[in-house]
Amino acid sequence: MLRALRDKLAGRGVELVFVSADEPQDFAKVVELARSWNVRAPAFAVAPGTLGNFKRALSPDWRGGIPATFLVDHQGKLRHFWEGPILEEEIAPIVERFLAGEAVDGVTRTAAEPG
């Protein structure tokens, strides 16, 4: 779904960056999965032992639910994030509002992620 959304928004300045928080021993599987999904660069992996720092740097509100999706502006400021699995109808309207210049700062959590 995110790849399809990326393709729809490609001409509007939206980039999609994949970040893996998998264990180092699983990195080869992550690379293979990214290739099978036709993930284009950039794609990154969180360095071993730094996941806590990574989470705090992205958002102090992130409880650690994975997957997590983050909307970051061109200046590197977090504008919205989704904790847990999301559907296109949950993310697309917020991205569209962001692209229209509206304030979208906030958090969306799935029903599996209380609060």
Protein backbone atom coordinates (compact mmCIF):
# COMPACT_ATOMS: atom_id res chain seq x y z
CA MET A 1 0.00 0.00 0.00
CA LEU A 2 2.79 2.44 0.85
CA ARG A 3 4.56 1.70 -2.42
CA ALA A 4 1.35 2.38 -4.36
CA LEU A 5 0.81 5.61 -2.43
CA ARG A 6 4.42 6.60 -3.13
CA ASP A 7 3.84 6.05 -6.83
CA LYS A 8 0.63 8.14 -6.77
CA LEU A 9 2.41 11.01 -5.07
CA ALA A 10 5.74 10.75 -6.90
CA GLY A 11 5.33 13.99 -8.84
CA ARG A 12 4.34 15.97 -5.76
CA GLY A 13 7.61 15.89 -3.84
CA VAL A 14 6.75 12.98 -1.56
CA GLU A 15 9.51 10.48 -0.89
CA LEU A 16 9.20 7.17 0.88
CA VAL A 17 12.09 5.95 3.01
CA PHE A 18 12.03 2.45 4.47
CA VAL A 19 13.84 1.80 7.76
CA SER A 20 14.28 -1.67 9.18
CA ALA A 21 14.51 -2.24 12.92
CA ASP A 22 15.12 -5.96 12.46
CA GLU A 23 17.87 -7.80 14.27
CA PRO A 24 21.26 -7.82 12.48
CA GLN A 25 21.03 -11.58 11.81
CA ASP A 26 17.82 -10.93 9.84
CA PHE A 27 19.25 -8.15 7.69
CA ALA A 28 19.73 -10.39 4.64
CA LYS A 29 16.01 -11.26 4.80
CA VAL A 30 15.15 -7.56 4.99
CA VAL A 31 17.28 -6.81 1.92
CA GLU A 32 15.63 -9.63 -0.02
CA LEU A 33 12.16 -8.45 1.00
CA ALA A 34 12.98 -4.88 -0.03
CA ARG A 35 14.17 -6.13 -3.41
CA SER A 36 11.02 -8.21 -3.89
CA TRP A 37 8.93 -5.10 -3.10
CA ASN A 38 10.98 -3.04 -5.54
CA VAL A 39 11.93 -0.61 -2.77
CA ARG A 40 13.99 2.19 -4.20
CA ALA A 41 16.70 3.94 -2.24
CA PRO A 42 16.90 5.38 0.26
CA ALA A 43 16.41 2.50 2.67
CA PHE A 44 18.13 2.16 6.01
CA ALA A 45 18.56 -0.14 8.99
CA VAL A 46 18.73 0.91 12.63
CA ALA A 47 22.20 0.15 14.01
CA PRO A 48 22.33 -2.68 16.56
CA GLY A 49 21.84 -1.45 20.11
CA THR A 50 20.43 1.95 19.08
CA LEU A 51 16.71 1.23 18.69
CA GLY A 52 15.78 3.12 21.87
CA ASN A 53 17.69 6.20 20.75
CA PHE A 54 16.18 5.90 17.28
CA LYS A 55 12.64 5.82 18.72
CA ARG A 56 13.26 8.81 21.00
CA ALA A 57 14.80 10.79 18.14
CA LEU A 58 11.77 10.25 15.91
CA SER A 59 9.14 10.94 18.54
CA PRO A 60 8.98 10.85 22.33
CA ASP A 61 5.33 9.78 21.87
CA TRP A 62 6.29 6.60 20.02
CA ARG A 63 5.53 3.70 22.33
CA GLY A 64 7.53 1.34 20.13
CA GLY A 65 4.71 -0.23 18.12
CA ILE A 66 5.91 -1.65 14.82
CA PRO A 67 5.27 -1.06 12.05
CA ALA A 68 5.39 2.69 12.42
CA THR A 69 4.99 5.27 9.68
CA PHE A 70 6.23 8.84 9.95
CA LEU A 71 5.40 11.94 7.92
CA VAL A 72 8.37 14.29 8.03
CA ASP A 73 8.54 17.64 6.28
CA HIS A 74 11.41 18.82 4.06
CA GLN A 75 13.09 20.41 7.09
CA GLY A 76 13.14 17.13 9.00
CA LYS A 77 10.30 18.00 11.39
CA LEU A 78 7.91 15.20 12.31
CA ARG A 79 4.37 16.17 11.28
CA HIS A 80 2.40 13.00 11.93
CA PHE A 81 3.00 9.40 12.74
CA TRP A 82 1.03 6.20 12.69
CA GLU A 83 1.85 3.54 15.25
CA GLY A 84 0.86 0.07 14.12
CA PRO A 85 -0.45 -1.19 10.80
CA ILE A 86 -2.29 1.37 8.70
CA LEU A 87 -4.61 1.42 5.72
CA GLU A 88 -4.46 3.79 2.76
CA GLU A 89 -7.70 5.47 3.87
CA GLU A 90 -5.97 6.35 7.15
CA ILE A 91 -2.77 7.81 5.73
CA ALA A 92 -3.77 9.29 2.35
CA PRO A 93 -6.10 12.01 3.66
CA ILE A 94 -3.50 13.25 6.14
CA VAL A 95 -0.77 13.30 3.49
CA GLU A 96 -3.13 15.15 1.11
CA ARG A 97 -3.94 17.71 3.82
CA PHE A 98 -0.21 18.12 4.51
CA LEU A 99 0.49 18.68 0.81
CA ALA A 100 -2.29 21.28 0.76
CA GLY A 101 -0.48 23.21 3.48
CA GLU A 102 -2.71 22.24 6.40
CA ALA A 103 -1.38 21.47 9.88
CA VAL A 104 -1.49 17.70 10.43
CA ASP A 105 0.76 17.35 13.46
CA GLY A 106 -0.38 14.41 15.54
CA VAL A 107 -0.45 10.69 16.19
CA THR A 108 -2.70 7.94 14.90
CA ARG A 109 -2.66 4.62 16.72
CA THR A 110 -4.41 1.48 15.62
CA ALA A 111 -6.99 -0.21 17.82
CA ALA A 112 -4.23 -2.65 18.82
CA GLU A 113 -2.24 0.29 20.23
CA PRO A 114 -4.35 1.80 23.06
CA GLY A 115 -4.35 5.49 23.82
